[in-house]
Amino acid sequence: MTQHEQPNLNLPSTQFSPSVEADWQAGKLLMIGESYPENTYEFFAQIIEWTEKFLGQEGRLLHVELRLSYLNTSSIRAMIDIFDLLQEASDSGKPVSVSWLYDSRNPRASELGEEFKEDYTFPFEIAALRS
């Protein structure tokens, strides 16, 4: 597989994990749903690996769009690992951005986005989804 034939990552949502769409060509990682998988490390390892590969091989924007209504503690830790990768890339001059979109009826999701945003300096937008 050449550098130009990088794989996308598509994980369907389950009762316990969000859907994940990682589109190499578009430079976009999208996660939608709730996250409390039985084996959080195993679930997020493939997302972290894809993100590391993209950031290591591409100099163009990686945009992460998150519509996560609930995350358990281990999912929050995994998201911090992803955000740390984005921060490292941003610090070295690579363009990254995050959109945290939440249901306006779920104030906890908004608060979680704000808590994440406080720790990072890359562009991090928080917005309510239109109901």
C-alpha atoms as a PDB file:
ATOM      1  CA  MET A   1       0.000   0.000   0.000  1.00  0.00           C
ATOM      2  CA  THR A   2       1.492   3.306  -1.026  1.00  0.00           C
ATOM      3  CA  GLN A   3       1.277   6.519   0.926  1.00  0.00           C
ATOM      4  CA  HIS A   4      -1.539   7.615  -1.393  1.00  0.00           C
ATOM      5  CA  GLU A   5      -3.615   4.495  -0.756  1.00  0.00           C
ATOM      6  CA  GLN A   6      -4.141   4.848   2.960  1.00  0.00           C
ATOM      7  CA  PRO A   7      -7.072   2.977   4.418  1.00  0.00           C
ATOM      8  CA  ASN A   8     -10.165   4.573   5.785  1.00  0.00           C
ATOM      9  CA  LEU A   9     -11.496   3.348   9.106  1.00  0.00           C
ATOM     10  CA  ASN A  10     -15.203   2.614   9.391  1.00  0.00           C
ATOM     11  CA  LEU A  11     -16.587   1.156  12.598  1.00  0.00           C
ATOM     12  CA  PRO A  12     -20.348   0.784  12.948  1.00  0.00           C
ATOM     13  CA  SER A  13     -21.881   1.900  16.206  1.00  0.00           C
ATOM     14  CA  THR A  14     -22.870  -0.691  18.771  1.00  0.00           C
ATOM     15  CA  GLN A  15     -24.882  -0.458  21.952  1.00  0.00           C
ATOM     16  CA  PHE A  16     -21.620   0.373  23.736  1.00  0.00           C
ATOM     17  CA  SER A  17     -19.457   2.203  21.189  1.00  0.00           C
ATOM     18  CA  PRO A  18     -19.794   5.119  18.785  1.00  0.00           C
ATOM     19  CA  SER A  19     -19.681   4.893  15.020  1.00  0.00           C
ATOM     20  CA  VAL A  20     -16.312   5.954  13.668  1.00  0.00           C
ATOM     21  CA  GLU A  21     -15.572   7.183  10.173  1.00  0.00           C
ATOM     22  CA  ALA A  22     -11.984   8.099   9.399  1.00  0.00           C
ATOM     23  CA  ASP A  23     -11.647   9.389   5.839  1.00  0.00           C
ATOM     24  CA  TRP A  24      -8.010   9.725   4.755  1.00  0.00           C
ATOM     25  CA  GLN A  25      -8.713  11.671   1.556  1.00  0.00           C
ATOM     26  CA  ALA A  26     -11.011  14.141   3.318  1.00  0.00           C
ATOM     27  CA  GLY A  27      -8.704  14.444   6.337  1.00  0.00           C
ATOM     28  CA  LYS A  28     -11.625  13.859   8.662  1.00  0.00           C
ATOM     29  CA  LEU A  29     -12.297  11.719  11.722  1.00  0.00           C
ATOM     30  CA  LEU A  30     -15.949  11.545  12.796  1.00  0.00           C
ATOM     31  CA  MET A  31     -17.263   9.835  15.933  1.00  0.00           C
ATOM     32  CA  ILE A  32     -20.974   9.693  16.790  1.00  0.00           C
ATOM     33  CA  GLY A  33     -22.751   8.076  19.738  1.00  0.00           C
ATOM     34  CA  GLU A  34     -22.037   6.849  23.240  1.00  0.00           C
ATOM     35  CA  SER A  35     -18.745   5.345  24.315  1.00  0.00           C
ATOM     36  CA  TYR A  36     -18.478   2.734  27.031  1.00  0.00           C
ATOM     37  CA  PRO A  37     -17.033  -0.260  25.179  1.00  0.00           C
ATOM     38  CA  GLU A  38     -16.151  -3.394  27.102  1.00  0.00           C
ATOM     39  CA  ASN A  39     -12.505  -3.172  26.017  1.00  0.00           C
ATOM     40  CA  THR A  40     -11.859   0.545  25.618  1.00  0.00           C
ATOM     41  CA  TYR A  41      -8.168   0.113  24.844  1.00  0.00           C
ATOM     42  CA  GLU A  42      -8.864  -2.331  22.015  1.00  0.00           C
ATOM     43  CA  PHE A  43     -11.622  -0.136  20.567  1.00  0.00           C
ATOM     44  CA  PHE A  44      -9.635   3.112  20.630  1.00  0.00           C
ATOM     45  CA  ALA A  45      -6.258   1.586  19.647  1.00  0.00           C
ATOM     46  CA  GLN A  46      -7.292   1.425  15.982  1.00  0.00           C
ATOM     47  CA  ILE A  47      -8.525   5.045  16.057  1.00  0.00           C
ATOM     48  CA  ILE A  48      -5.324   6.230  17.729  1.00  0.00           C
ATOM     49  CA  GLU A  49      -3.221   4.253  15.223  1.00  0.00           C
ATOM     50  CA  TRP A  50      -5.106   5.768  12.258  1.00  0.00           C
ATOM     51  CA  THR A  51      -4.685   9.269  13.723  1.00  0.00           C
ATOM     52  CA  GLU A  52      -0.959   8.743  14.320  1.00  0.00           C
ATOM     53  CA  LYS A  53      -0.480   7.513  10.739  1.00  0.00           C
ATOM     54  CA  PHE A  54      -2.381  10.437   9.259  1.00  0.00           C
ATOM     55  CA  LEU A  55      -0.525  13.023  11.327  1.00  0.00           C
ATOM     56  CA  GLY A  56       2.811  11.341  10.577  1.00  0.00           C
ATOM     57  CA  GLN A  57       2.321  11.186   6.816  1.00  0.00           C
ATOM     58  CA  GLU A  58       0.201  14.179   5.928  1.00  0.00           C
ATOM     59  CA  GLY A  59       0.894  17.881   6.262  1.00  0.00           C
ATOM     60  CA  ARG A  60      -2.700  18.858   5.625  1.00  0.00           C
ATOM     61  CA  LEU A  61      -5.597  19.496   7.957  1.00  0.00           C
ATOM     62  CA  LEU A  62      -6.987  16.723  10.120  1.00  0.00           C
ATOM     63  CA  HIS A  63     -10.438  17.739  11.306  1.00  0.00           C
ATOM     64  CA  VAL A  64     -11.993  15.726  14.140  1.00  0.00           C
ATOM     65  CA  GLU A  65     -15.758  16.000  14.543  1.00  0.00           C
ATOM     66  CA  LEU A  66     -17.191  14.550  17.735  1.00  0.00           C
ATOM     67  CA  ARG A  67     -20.857  14.028  18.498  1.00  0.00           C
ATOM     68  CA  LEU A  68     -20.433  12.004  21.655  1.00  0.00           C
ATOM     69  CA  SER A  69     -23.351  12.054  24.054  1.00  0.00           C
ATOM     70  CA  TYR A  70     -21.683   9.967  26.770  1.00  0.00           C
ATOM     71  CA  LEU A  71     -18.152   8.762  27.552  1.00  0.00           C
ATOM     72  CA  ASN A  72     -17.122   6.537  30.425  1.00  0.00           C
ATOM     73  CA  THR A  73     -13.885   7.235  32.298  1.00  0.00           C
ATOM     74  CA  SER A  74     -11.711   4.968  30.154  1.00  0.00           C
ATOM     75  CA  SER A  75     -13.175   6.502  26.968  1.00  0.00           C
ATOM     76  CA  ILE A  76     -12.327   9.959  28.310  1.00  0.00           C
ATOM     77  CA  ARG A  77      -8.730   8.790  28.847  1.00  0.00           C
ATOM     78  CA  ALA A  78      -8.602   7.484  25.264  1.00  0.00           C
ATOM     79  CA  MET A  79      -9.947  10.801  23.940  1.00  0.00           C
ATOM     80  CA  ILE A  80      -7.223  12.605  25.885  1.00  0.00           C
ATOM     81  CA  ASP A  81      -4.675  10.390  24.086  1.00  0.00           C
ATOM     82  CA  ILE A  82      -6.166  11.470  20.745  1.00  0.00           C
ATOM     83  CA  PHE A  83      -6.233  15.140  21.762  1.00  0.00           C
ATOM     84  CA  ASP A  84      -2.610  14.869  22.926  1.00  0.00           C
ATOM     85  CA  LEU A  85      -1.645  13.600  19.451  1.00  0.00           C
ATOM     86  CA  LEU A  86      -3.479  16.547  17.899  1.00  0.00           C
ATOM     87  CA  GLN A  87      -1.715  18.969  20.248  1.00  0.00           C
ATOM     88  CA  GLU A  88       1.697  17.518  19.381  1.00  0.00           C
ATOM     89  CA  ALA A  89       0.913  17.861  15.676  1.00  0.00           C
ATOM     90  CA  SER A  90      -0.349  21.416  16.153  1.00  0.00           C
ATOM     91  CA  ASP A  91       2.759  22.332  18.159  1.00  0.00           C
ATOM     92  CA  SER A  92       4.911  21.130  15.254  1.00  0.00           C
ATOM     93  CA  GLY A  93       2.996  23.289  12.779  1.00  0.00           C
ATOM     94  CA  LYS A  94       0.479  20.795  11.389  1.00  0.00           C
ATOM     95  CA  PRO A  95      -3.099  22.019  10.963  1.00  0.00           C
ATOM     96  CA  VAL A  96      -5.638  20.249  13.185  1.00  0.00           C
ATOM     97  CA  SER A  97      -9.073  21.189  14.451  1.00  0.00           C
ATOM     98  CA  VAL A  98     -11.854  19.730  16.567  1.00  0.00           C
ATOM     99  CA  SER A  99     -15.598  20.328  16.460  1.00  0.00           C
ATOM    100  CA  TRP A 100     -17.412  19.108  19.585  1.00  0.00           C
ATOM    101  CA  LEU A 101     -21.106  19.015  18.715  1.00  0.00           C
ATOM    102  CA  TYR A 102     -23.607  18.247  21.432  1.00  0.00           C
ATOM    103  CA  ASP A 103     -27.360  17.929  21.873  1.00  0.00           C
ATOM    104  CA  SER A 104     -28.611  21.108  23.545  1.00  0.00           C
ATOM    105  CA  ARG A 105     -30.752  18.910  25.837  1.00  0.00           C
ATOM    106  CA  ASN A 106     -27.570  17.293  27.214  1.00  0.00           C
ATOM    107  CA  PRO A 107     -25.690  19.933  29.239  1.00  0.00           C
ATOM    108  CA  ARG A 108     -23.176  17.355  30.514  1.00  0.00           C
ATOM    109  CA  ALA A 109     -21.925  16.775  26.954  1.00  0.00           C
ATOM    110  CA  SER A 110     -21.342  20.516  26.587  1.00  0.00           C
ATOM    111  CA  GLU A 111     -19.483  20.653  29.916  1.00  0.00           C
ATOM    112  CA  LEU A 112     -17.276  17.715  28.913  1.00  0.00           C
ATOM    113  CA  GLY A 113     -16.363  19.475  25.668  1.00  0.00           C
ATOM    114  CA  GLU A 114     -15.454  22.608  27.640  1.00  0.00           C
ATOM    115  CA  GLU A 115     -13.298  20.561  30.034  1.00  0.00           C
ATOM    116  CA  PHE A 116     -11.387  19.037  27.115  1.00  0.00           C
ATOM    117  CA  LYS A 117     -10.995  22.387  25.356  1.00  0.00           C
ATOM    118  CA  GLU A 118      -9.359  24.014  28.410  1.00  0.00           C
ATOM    119  CA  ASP A 119      -6.314  21.752  28.069  1.00  0.00           C
ATOM    120  CA  TYR A 120      -5.475  22.385  24.406  1.00  0.00           C
ATOM    121  CA  THR A 121      -4.443  25.297  22.196  1.00  0.00           C
ATOM    122  CA  PHE A 122      -5.444  24.004  18.734  1.00  0.00           C
ATOM    123  CA  PRO A 123      -8.762  25.204  17.215  1.00  0.00           C
ATOM    124  CA  PHE A 124     -11.518  23.555  19.267  1.00  0.00           C
ATOM    125  CA  GLU A 125     -15.099  24.564  18.492  1.00  0.00           C
ATOM    126  CA  ILE A 126     -18.020  23.627  20.756  1.00  0.00           C
ATOM    127  CA  ALA A 127     -21.524  23.995  19.361  1.00  0.00           C
ATOM    128  CA  ALA A 128     -25.037  22.729  20.002  1.00  0.00           C
ATOM    129  CA  LEU A 129     -26.563  20.537  17.329  1.00  0.00           C
ATOM    130  CA  ARG A 130     -29.766  21.888  15.872  1.00  0.00           C
ATOM    131  CA  SER A 131     -32.682  19.923  17.291  1.00  0.00           C
END
